[in-house]
Amino acid sequence: MVVVSVLTGLAVAWLIAGLHWYLWRRLVRDTTRDGSRWRIPGGIVLGAGAIAMCGAFGVMFAEVDRAEWRWLTWPGFLWAALFLYLLLGVLAGEVVRPLLLRGLVRRDAGTAAPAGGGEMPTTADAAPGAVEAGVTPQPVGATVGESHGTSTLRPGPAPTGMESGAAVSGQAPPPGSRPLSRRLLVSRLAAAATVIAAGAIVGTGTYGVMNGPVVRRVTVPLAKLPAQAHGLRIALVSDLHLGPALGRAFCERVVRTVNDTRPDLIAVVGDLADGTVEDLRSETEPLAGLTAPLGTYYVPGNHEYFADADAWLARAGELGMKVLLNDRVSLPDFDLAGVDDPRGTSIGRGPDFAAALDGRDTGRACVLLAHQPVVVHESVAYGVDLQLSGHTHGGQLWPGNLIARLPNPTVAGLELYGATALYVTRGAGAWGPPVRVAAPSDITVLELASLQGV
């Protein structure tokens, strides 16, 4: 197992190094001339970014105090997001660059003078200095030769670009004044567009996360909900991922946002943090401030099992949450149940729908809390009316939403599976890079609607 882990790590390291070399080639080498002083600094920036990115993810999985390593995790995570969009931009450039180059070639071909169509320059066309000096103007492409004391003209290579100007002045053009080739011009345009777009995307996505999750409001009709419960509000919170990047201040912002919605019940469906309880005790402390008349309920996510799930279950209890681990409670107007995360099977646990739902009154509405939406088919089999989940982050970083669709029946939002409604929140925080693109973080307030006599 150790050998496999080492080989996997080496393969990942080589892949990351290779992709950064590819970025250097397209963004630095292809945009500069040979011998440019910018090539080495460009390589240093890309190399430092790769090292910081690997270090940030190493800190996430290592048993260290995350707070002490935020100086590394923040730039490393931000570089990871920037690296993704630089790579996507460069790959798009592989298609765009040849098209731009072809367009420039056609444009120049259409404006170029026909071969052999020019006229020999006359004395009036010669440079004034040459005329005053008594130098006979010569046709372009001719050189002077000596034959028995007489001057003759013979064909020579035609000067182009700055070379013709250098021939007149008698001085070599300075290196910086050489005209750009079409290929260099197109490479610079493509690289500039990629860097600007990637920076804008990551900057906007970071601001969206740090500014706090938005509140989404969704109405969910439940046929079995009694009329007196019409309008009951459940605040759904998931995927805070407190730890290397998001700390106590972020948690306080989330708690204020939830409490400001004045929910009747709060459902926290896992992935509170990335790390151990001991490391993140301070970061999670604000969660004790969550308040709702019917209480705050919690089920674990898969990231609790990456540390010590039992410690996190105990911590949730310390923070005033009622843990529903394959269990249920009978509230005045409906049943509320919760199941363990499928990751729990790694230690002999996992979701147990029979323990959570057997023996209940099937005439009452049932709301189930489950971190991962993949268990919805079991919810359908057990007659659950509404399942509340998170886990997907809505993909977090586009095109992650396309990847998230592969294992998850629903990536975000409300969908029906038979008689069971499934709602998946995009989550309040972010895993790894504190950046979201085309998948804004949210806290969802679900307003239950009764169909009985309303």
Protein backbone atom coordinates (compact mmCIF):
# COMPACT_ATOMS: atom_id res chain seq x y z
CA MET A 1 0.00 0.00 0.00
CA VAL A 2 2.86 2.38 0.82
CA VAL A 3 4.50 1.66 -2.54
CA VAL A 4 1.23 2.36 -4.36
CA SER A 5 0.83 5.66 -2.50
CA VAL A 6 4.39 6.72 -3.34
CA LEU A 7 3.97 5.83 -7.02
CA THR A 8 0.65 7.67 -7.15
CA GLY A 9 2.22 10.73 -5.56
CA LEU A 10 5.08 10.69 -8.05
CA ALA A 11 2.67 10.35 -10.97
CA VAL A 12 0.62 13.30 -9.73
CA ALA A 13 3.78 15.36 -9.21
CA TRP A 14 4.97 14.66 -12.76
CA LEU A 15 1.54 15.53 -14.14
CA ILE A 16 1.45 18.85 -12.28
CA ALA A 17 5.01 19.65 -13.36
CA GLY A 18 4.23 18.77 -16.97
CA LEU A 19 1.12 20.94 -17.07
CA HIS A 20 3.00 23.89 -15.58
CA TRP A 21 5.75 23.46 -18.17
CA TYR A 22 3.03 23.52 -20.82
CA LEU A 23 1.72 26.80 -19.37
CA TRP A 24 5.24 28.24 -19.36
CA ARG A 25 5.68 27.27 -22.98
CA ARG A 26 2.47 28.95 -24.12
CA LEU A 27 2.36 31.95 -21.79
CA VAL A 28 6.07 32.76 -21.53
CA ARG A 29 8.26 31.14 -24.15
CA ASP A 30 5.89 31.61 -27.09
CA THR A 31 5.32 35.26 -26.18
CA THR A 32 8.97 36.29 -25.91
CA ARG A 33 11.97 36.31 -28.23
CA ASP A 34 15.01 34.11 -27.72
CA GLY A 35 17.17 35.44 -24.92
CA SER A 36 14.35 37.48 -23.36
CA ARG A 37 14.92 38.42 -19.73
CA TRP A 38 11.28 37.52 -18.95
CA ARG A 39 11.63 33.78 -19.49
CA ILE A 40 13.37 32.98 -16.22
CA PRO A 41 11.02 35.09 -14.00
CA GLY A 42 8.05 33.52 -15.78
CA GLY A 43 9.36 30.08 -14.99
CA ILE A 44 9.94 31.05 -11.35
CA VAL A 45 6.36 32.30 -10.96
CA LEU A 46 4.87 29.14 -12.43
CA GLY A 47 7.21 26.90 -10.43
CA ALA A 48 6.42 28.70 -7.17
CA GLY A 49 2.70 28.42 -7.90
CA ALA A 50 3.00 24.67 -8.45
CA ILE A 51 4.91 24.21 -5.20
CA ALA A 52 2.43 26.35 -3.23
CA MET A 53 -0.52 24.42 -4.69
CA CYS A 54 0.96 21.06 -3.74
CA GLY A 55 1.85 22.41 -0.30
CA ALA A 56 -1.69 23.69 0.31
CA PHE A 57 -3.29 20.35 -0.44
CA GLY A 58 -0.57 18.63 1.57
CA VAL A 59 -1.50 20.74 4.59
CA MET A 60 -5.15 19.79 4.13
CA PHE A 61 -4.41 16.09 4.42
CA ALA A 62 -1.58 16.31 6.95
CA GLU A 63 -2.10 16.26 10.70
CA VAL A 64 -1.01 19.84 11.35
CA ASP A 65 -2.58 22.97 12.77
CA ARG A 66 -4.33 24.53 9.76
CA ALA A 67 -4.33 28.01 11.28
CA GLU A 68 -0.53 28.07 11.42
CA TRP A 69 -0.29 27.19 7.73
CA ARG A 70 -2.76 29.67 6.26
CA TRP A 71 0.17 31.69 4.89
CA LEU A 72 0.72 28.75 2.52
CA THR A 73 -2.78 27.41 2.01
CA TRP A 74 -4.31 30.69 0.85
CA PRO A 75 -1.89 31.40 -2.02
CA GLY A 76 -1.71 27.70 -2.83
CA PHE A 77 -5.46 27.30 -3.12
CA LEU A 78 -5.86 30.50 -5.10
CA TRP A 79 -3.13 29.36 -7.47
CA ALA A 80 -4.94 26.02 -7.88
CA ALA A 81 -8.03 27.85 -9.12
CA LEU A 82 -5.98 30.20 -11.30
CA PHE A 83 -4.05 27.22 -12.70
CA LEU A 84 -7.32 25.56 -13.74
CA TYR A 85 -8.52 28.57 -15.74
CA LEU A 86 -5.11 29.34 -17.19
CA LEU A 87 -4.99 25.76 -18.43
CA LEU A 88 -8.49 25.97 -19.89
CA GLY A 89 -7.62 29.28 -21.54
CA VAL A 90 -4.43 27.92 -23.08
CA LEU A 91 -6.26 24.85 -24.37
CA ALA A 92 -8.87 27.11 -25.95
CA GLY A 93 -5.99 29.07 -27.46
CA GLU A 94 -4.83 25.97 -29.31
CA VAL A 95 -7.96 26.38 -31.42
CA VAL A 96 -8.08 30.18 -31.55
CA ARG A 97 -4.43 30.92 -32.30
CA PRO A 98 -4.26 29.11 -35.68
CA LEU A 99 -7.48 30.83 -36.76
CA LEU A 100 -6.11 34.27 -35.86
CA LEU A 101 -2.82 33.52 -37.58
CA ARG A 102 -4.59 32.39 -40.73
CA GLY A 103 -6.71 35.54 -40.70
CA LEU A 104 -3.63 37.75 -40.48
CA VAL A 105 -1.96 35.89 -43.34
CA ARG A 106 -5.03 36.36 -45.55
CA ARG A 107 -5.29 40.04 -44.64
CA ASP A 108 -1.67 40.71 -45.46
CA ALA A 109 -1.90 38.70 -48.69
CA GLY A 110 -4.83 40.83 -49.80
CA THR A 111 -2.99 44.11 -49.20
CA ALA A 112 0.45 43.11 -50.52
CA ALA A 113 1.63 44.53 -53.88
CA PRO A 114 1.75 42.04 -56.78
CA ALA A 115 5.17 40.53 -57.45
CA GLY A 116 7.08 42.45 -60.14
CA GLY A 117 4.49 45.20 -60.22
CA GLY A 118 6.62 47.87 -58.57
CA GLU A 119 8.61 50.56 -60.38
CA MET A 120 12.28 51.29 -60.12
CA PRO A 121 12.86 54.14 -57.70
CA THR A 122 13.90 57.42 -59.27
CA THR A 123 16.18 60.14 -58.02
CA ALA A 124 13.17 61.93 -56.59
CA ASP A 125 12.32 58.83 -54.52
CA ALA A 126 15.79 58.47 -53.05
CA ALA A 127 16.67 59.53 -49.57
CA PRO A 128 17.54 63.28 -49.51
CA GLY A 129 20.86 62.62 -47.86
CA ALA A 130 21.88 60.20 -50.55
CA VAL A 131 21.13 62.69 -53.34
CA GLU A 132 23.03 65.49 -51.68
CA ALA A 133 26.01 63.20 -51.24
CA GLY A 134 26.02 62.42 -54.95
CA VAL A 135 25.17 58.79 -54.48
CA THR A 136 23.32 57.31 -57.40
CA PRO A 137 20.06 55.70 -56.25
CA GLN A 138 19.94 51.96 -56.86
CA PRO A 139 17.05 49.63 -57.47
CA VAL A 140 15.82 47.63 -54.53
CA GLY A 141 17.53 44.29 -54.47
CA ALA A 142 20.68 45.52 -56.36
CA THR A 143 24.25 45.82 -55.14
CA VAL A 144 27.21 47.73 -56.53
CA GLY A 145 30.05 45.85 -58.12
CA GLU A 146 33.37 47.02 -59.57
CA SER A 147 34.46 45.93 -63.09
CA HIS A 148 37.48 47.58 -64.72
CA GLY A 149 36.89 50.80 -62.81
CA THR A 150 33.26 51.14 -63.76
CA SER A 151 30.28 50.65 -61.53
CA THR A 152 27.78 48.04 -62.49
CA LEU A 153 24.53 46.82 -60.95
CA ARG A 154 23.90 43.23 -60.14
CA PRO A 155 20.94 41.63 -58.36
CA GLY A 156 21.15 41.14 -54.63
CA PRO A 157 18.86 40.06 -51.77
CA ALA A 158 15.97 42.42 -51.19
CA PRO A 159 16.03 44.01 -47.72
CA THR A 160 12.87 43.67 -45.68
CA GLY A 161 11.35 45.40 -42.65
CA MET A 162 13.81 47.29 -40.49
CA GLU A 163 16.76 45.98 -42.50
CA SER A 164 16.05 48.47 -45.29
CA GLY A 165 16.05 51.35 -42.84
CA ALA A 166 19.29 50.07 -41.33
CA ALA A 167 20.90 50.00 -44.79
CA VAL A 168 20.09 53.66 -45.36
CA SER A 169 21.26 54.82 -41.95
CA GLY A 170 24.24 52.52 -41.87
CA GLN A 171 23.32 51.33 -38.33
CA ALA A 172 21.80 48.10 -37.05
CA PRO A 173 18.27 48.51 -35.63
CA PRO A 174 17.99 48.24 -31.84
CA PRO A 175 16.64 44.83 -30.67
CA GLY A 176 13.48 46.32 -29.18
CA SER A 177 12.51 47.96 -32.47
CA ARG A 178 12.28 44.77 -34.48
CA PRO A 179 8.75 44.27 -35.80
CA LEU A 180 6.65 41.48 -34.28
CA SER A 181 6.12 38.43 -36.39
CA ARG A 182 2.55 37.36 -36.92
CA ARG A 183 3.09 34.28 -34.75
CA LEU A 184 4.54 36.28 -31.86
CA LEU A 185 1.74 38.86 -32.07
CA VAL A 186 -0.96 36.19 -32.00
CA SER A 187 0.74 34.36 -29.10
CA ARG A 188 0.88 37.56 -27.07
CA LEU A 189 -2.76 38.39 -27.73
CA ALA A 190 -3.90 34.88 -26.76
CA ALA A 191 -1.74 34.82 -23.62
CA ALA A 192 -2.92 38.27 -22.48
CA ALA A 193 -6.56 37.30 -22.97
CA THR A 194 -6.01 34.07 -21.02
CA VAL A 195 -4.28 35.72 -18.06
CA ILE A 196 -6.80 38.58 -17.81
CA ALA A 197 -9.80 36.25 -18.07
CA ALA A 198 -8.41 33.74 -15.55
CA GLY A 199 -7.57 36.50 -13.07
CA ALA A 200 -11.02 38.07 -13.38
CA ILE A 201 -12.79 34.72 -12.97
CA VAL A 202 -10.82 33.70 -9.88
CA GLY A 203 -11.06 37.15 -8.31
CA THR A 204 -14.83 37.27 -8.76
CA GLY A 205 -15.24 33.70 -7.52
CA THR A 206 -13.17 34.40 -4.40
CA TYR A 207 -15.16 37.53 -3.59
CA GLY A 208 -18.39 35.55 -3.90
CA VAL A 209 -17.26 33.00 -1.30
CA MET A 210 -15.78 35.47 1.16
CA ASN A 211 -18.78 37.77 0.91
CA GLY A 212 -20.86 34.95 2.33
CA PRO A 213 -23.53 32.63 0.96
CA VAL A 214 -26.66 34.02 -0.62
CA VAL A 215 -30.08 33.05 0.69
CA ARG A 216 -32.28 31.05 -1.66
CA ARG A 217 -35.97 30.53 -0.95
CA VAL A 218 -37.81 27.52 -2.32
CA THR A 219 -41.41 26.42 -1.77
CA VAL A 220 -41.94 22.66 -1.51
CA PRO A 221 -45.52 21.30 -1.47
CA LEU A 222 -46.03 18.17 0.67
CA ALA A 223 -49.30 16.28 0.31
CA LYS A 224 -49.17 14.84 3.84
CA LEU A 225 -48.29 18.07 5.63
CA PRO A 226 -51.18 19.27 7.81
CA ALA A 227 -52.70 22.66 7.12
CA GLN A 228 -51.42 24.17 10.38
CA ALA A 229 -47.84 23.55 9.24
CA HIS A 230 -48.31 25.46 5.98
CA GLY A 231 -45.44 27.93 5.57
CA LEU A 232 -43.08 26.19 8.00
CA ARG A 233 -39.48 27.23 7.16
CA ILE A 234 -36.43 24.95 7.21
CA ALA A 235 -32.99 26.55 6.81
CA LEU A 236 -30.69 24.10 5.05
CA VAL A 237 -26.95 24.49 5.72
CA SER A 238 -24.24 22.27 4.27
CA ASP A 239 -20.56 22.08 3.34
CA LEU A 240 -19.02 24.87 5.38
CA HIS A 241 -15.59 23.21 5.07
CA LEU A 242 -14.07 25.28 7.84
CA GLY A 243 -10.33 24.77 7.99
CA PRO A 244 -7.30 25.77 5.95
CA ALA A 245 -8.99 28.63 4.08
CA LEU A 246 -12.29 29.45 5.80
CA GLY A 247 -12.13 30.23 9.49
CA ARG A 248 -14.06 31.63 12.43
CA ALA A 249 -15.02 34.93 10.80
CA PHE A 250 -16.58 33.08 7.89
CA CYS A 251 -18.48 30.80 10.28
CA GLU A 252 -19.84 33.83 12.15
CA ARG A 253 -21.08 35.30 8.87
CA VAL A 254 -22.90 32.06 8.02
CA VAL A 255 -24.57 31.91 11.44
CA ARG A 256 -25.78 35.53 11.15
CA THR A 257 -27.18 34.84 7.69
CA VAL A 258 -29.06 31.75 8.87
CA ASN A 259 -30.50 33.40 11.97
CA ASP A 260 -31.59 36.44 9.97
CA THR A 261 -33.91 34.22 7.92
CA ARG A 262 -35.82 33.38 11.16
CA PRO A 263 -36.30 29.69 10.35
CA ASP A 264 -38.55 27.33 12.30
CA LEU A 265 -35.97 24.56 12.02
CA ILE A 266 -32.31 24.38 10.99
CA ALA A 267 -30.90 21.36 9.16
CA VAL A 268 -27.11 20.98 8.96
CA VAL A 269 -26.26 18.19 6.54
CA GLY A 270 -22.56 17.55 6.98
CA ASP A 271 -19.04 18.55 5.96
CA LEU A 272 -18.65 21.05 8.76
CA ALA A 273 -14.86 21.17 8.52
CA ASP A 274 -11.67 19.83 7.00
CA GLY A 275 -9.54 18.70 9.90
CA THR A 276 -9.80 17.50 13.47
CA VAL A 277 -11.99 18.84 16.24
CA GLU A 278 -8.94 19.85 18.26
CA ASP A 279 -7.53 21.93 15.41
CA LEU A 280 -10.85 23.56 14.53
CA ARG A 281 -12.57 23.99 17.86
CA SER A 282 -12.36 27.78 17.71
CA GLU A 283 -13.45 27.94 14.06
CA THR A 284 -16.64 25.96 14.78
CA GLU A 285 -17.55 27.74 18.03
CA PRO A 286 -19.95 30.24 16.37
CA LEU A 287 -22.24 27.37 15.30
CA ALA A 288 -23.49 27.29 18.90
CA GLY A 289 -25.33 30.51 18.03
CA LEU A 290 -27.73 28.87 15.55
CA THR A 291 -31.27 29.30 16.87
CA ALA A 292 -34.68 28.05 15.73
CA PRO A 293 -37.91 27.22 17.64
CA LEU A 294 -37.89 23.55 16.55
CA GLY A 295 -34.14 23.17 17.03
CA THR A 296 -31.01 22.51 14.96
CA TYR A 297 -30.41 19.00 13.60
CA TYR A 298 -27.25 17.50 12.16
CA VAL A 299 -26.06 14.53 10.09
CA PRO A 300 -22.40 13.89 9.21
CA GLY A 301 -20.86 14.20 5.76
CA ASN A 302 -18.03 12.32 4.13
CA HIS A 303 -15.39 14.82 5.30
CA GLU A 304 -16.12 14.09 8.95
CA TYR A 305 -14.88 10.57 8.21
CA PHE A 306 -11.59 11.91 6.83
CA ALA A 307 -10.79 12.93 10.41
CA ASP A 308 -12.58 11.39 13.43
CA ALA A 309 -16.30 11.10 12.78
CA ASP A 310 -17.17 10.24 16.37
CA ALA A 311 -15.33 13.31 17.62
CA TRP A 312 -17.27 15.47 15.16
CA LEU A 313 -20.57 13.91 16.22
CA ALA A 314 -19.71 14.75 19.82
CA ARG A 315 -18.68 18.26 18.79
CA ALA A 316 -22.03 18.81 17.07
CA GLY A 317 -23.75 17.88 20.30
CA GLU A 318 -21.56 20.35 22.23
CA LEU A 319 -22.65 23.07 19.81
CA GLY A 320 -26.33 22.45 20.56
CA MET A 321 -27.21 20.35 17.52
CA LYS A 322 -29.33 17.23 17.76
CA VAL A 323 -27.54 14.41 15.91
CA LEU A 324 -29.70 12.14 13.76
CA LEU A 325 -27.46 9.16 13.03
CA ASN A 326 -29.83 6.64 11.41
CA ASP A 327 -32.53 7.98 13.69
CA ARG A 328 -35.66 10.12 13.64
CA VAL A 329 -37.74 12.42 15.80
CA SER A 330 -41.47 13.07 15.68
CA LEU A 331 -42.09 16.78 15.44
CA PRO A 332 -45.60 18.21 15.90
CA ASP A 333 -46.48 18.17 12.19
CA PHE A 334 -44.05 15.76 10.49
CA ASP A 335 -41.29 13.24 11.10
CA LEU A 336 -37.67 14.33 10.76
CA ALA A 337 -35.12 11.59 10.07
CA GLY A 338 -31.41 11.48 9.34
CA VAL A 339 -29.03 8.86 7.97
CA ASP A 340 -25.29 8.39 8.15
CA ASP A 341 -23.04 9.17 5.20
CA PRO A 342 -22.09 6.35 2.79
CA ARG A 343 -18.45 7.06 3.69
CA GLY A 344 -19.23 5.51 7.06
CA THR A 345 -19.18 2.06 5.47
CA SER A 346 -15.36 2.31 5.62
CA ILE A 347 -15.60 1.73 9.38
CA GLY A 348 -18.62 -0.58 9.36
CA ARG A 349 -21.35 2.07 9.55
CA GLY A 350 -23.12 4.03 6.84
CA PRO A 351 -26.77 4.85 6.06
CA ASP A 352 -29.36 2.56 7.65
CA PHE A 353 -32.81 3.46 6.39
CA ALA A 354 -34.48 0.63 8.27
CA ALA A 355 -33.19 1.90 11.61
CA ALA A 356 -34.21 5.45 10.76
CA LEU A 357 -37.64 4.83 9.24
CA ASP A 358 -39.08 1.43 10.14
CA GLY A 359 -42.18 1.57 12.34
CA ARG A 360 -43.08 5.17 11.63
CA ASP A 361 -46.62 6.34 10.83
CA THR A 362 -46.60 6.45 7.01
CA GLY A 363 -49.59 8.80 7.10
CA ARG A 364 -47.35 11.58 8.41
CA ALA A 365 -45.06 13.62 6.19
CA CYS A 366 -41.40 12.65 6.46
CA VAL A 367 -38.37 14.86 5.84
CA LEU A 368 -35.00 13.10 5.64
CA LEU A 369 -31.53 14.63 6.12
CA ALA A 370 -28.76 12.93 4.12
CA HIS A 371 -25.46 14.51 3.14
CA GLN A 372 -25.16 12.82 -0.26
CA PRO A 373 -28.03 12.91 -2.76
CA VAL A 374 -27.12 9.44 -4.09
CA VAL A 375 -29.26 7.80 -1.38
CA VAL A 376 -32.46 9.25 -2.85
CA HIS A 377 -33.48 5.91 -4.34
CA GLU A 378 -33.59 4.38 -0.83
CA SER A 379 -35.66 7.40 0.23
CA VAL A 380 -38.14 6.63 -2.54
CA ALA A 381 -38.37 3.01 -1.43
CA TYR A 382 -39.11 4.03 2.16
CA GLY A 383 -41.75 6.61 1.23
CA VAL A 384 -39.80 9.74 2.23
CA ASP A 385 -41.59 12.91 1.16
CA LEU A 386 -38.60 15.27 1.07
CA GLN A 387 -34.86 14.58 1.19
CA LEU A 388 -32.46 17.43 1.98
CA SER A 389 -28.84 17.04 0.85
CA GLY A 390 -25.64 18.86 -0.02
CA HIS A 391 -22.22 17.41 -0.94
CA THR A 392 -22.05 18.42 -4.62
CA HIS A 393 -21.19 22.14 -4.18
CA GLY A 394 -23.04 22.53 -7.49
CA GLY A 395 -19.69 21.65 -9.08
CA GLN A 396 -17.99 24.64 -7.32
CA LEU A 397 -15.60 25.41 -10.20
CA TRP A 398 -16.97 25.24 -13.73
CA PRO A 399 -16.83 22.83 -15.52
CA GLY A 400 -17.00 20.85 -12.26
CA ASN A 401 -20.78 20.80 -12.56
CA LEU A 402 -20.43 18.48 -15.55
CA ILE A 403 -18.24 16.12 -13.52
CA ALA A 404 -20.56 16.29 -10.50
CA ARG A 405 -23.42 15.04 -12.66
CA LEU A 406 -21.73 11.68 -13.15
CA PRO A 407 -22.16 10.25 -9.60
CA ASN A 408 -25.04 12.44 -8.38
CA PRO A 409 -28.69 12.23 -9.47
CA THR A 410 -29.13 15.95 -8.81
CA VAL A 411 -26.31 18.49 -8.67
CA ALA A 412 -28.31 21.43 -7.31
CA GLY A 413 -31.93 22.46 -6.86
CA LEU A 414 -35.25 20.67 -6.50
CA GLU A 415 -36.23 17.55 -8.45
CA LEU A 416 -38.87 14.87 -8.08
CA TYR A 417 -38.13 11.15 -7.92
CA GLY A 418 -41.48 9.43 -7.93
CA ALA A 419 -43.35 10.79 -4.91
CA THR A 420 -40.12 11.92 -3.23
CA ALA A 421 -38.81 15.47 -3.63
CA LEU A 422 -35.03 15.90 -3.47
CA TYR A 423 -33.46 19.28 -2.78
CA VAL A 424 -29.68 19.70 -3.07
CA THR A 425 -28.00 22.87 -1.80
CA ARG A 426 -24.73 24.10 -3.34
CA GLY A 427 -23.39 24.55 0.18
CA ALA A 428 -22.29 27.55 2.22
CA GLY A 429 -18.51 27.24 1.91
CA ALA A 430 -15.97 25.77 -0.46
CA TRP A 431 -13.58 22.83 -0.44
CA GLY A 432 -9.94 23.55 -1.24
CA PRO A 433 -9.78 26.84 -3.15
CA PRO A 434 -12.15 29.39 -1.55
CA VAL A 435 -13.44 30.09 -5.04
CA ARG A 436 -16.71 29.35 -6.81
CA VAL A 437 -17.40 29.78 -10.52
CA ALA A 438 -20.92 29.37 -11.93
CA ALA A 439 -21.95 27.67 -8.67
CA PRO A 440 -22.57 30.38 -6.03
CA SER A 441 -22.66 29.30 -2.40
CA ASP A 442 -26.04 29.35 -0.71
CA ILE A 443 -28.14 28.78 2.35
CA THR A 444 -31.59 27.60 1.31
CA VAL A 445 -34.78 28.35 3.18
CA LEU A 446 -37.38 25.77 2.22
CA GLU A 447 -40.95 26.80 2.91
CA LEU A 448 -43.18 23.76 3.24
CA ALA A 449 -46.62 24.10 1.65
CA SER A 450 -49.58 22.01 2.76
CA LEU A 451 -52.09 20.71 0.21
CA GLN A 452 -54.69 19.95 2.87
CA GLY A 453 -57.42 22.56 3.00
CA VAL A 454 -55.24 25.54 2.10
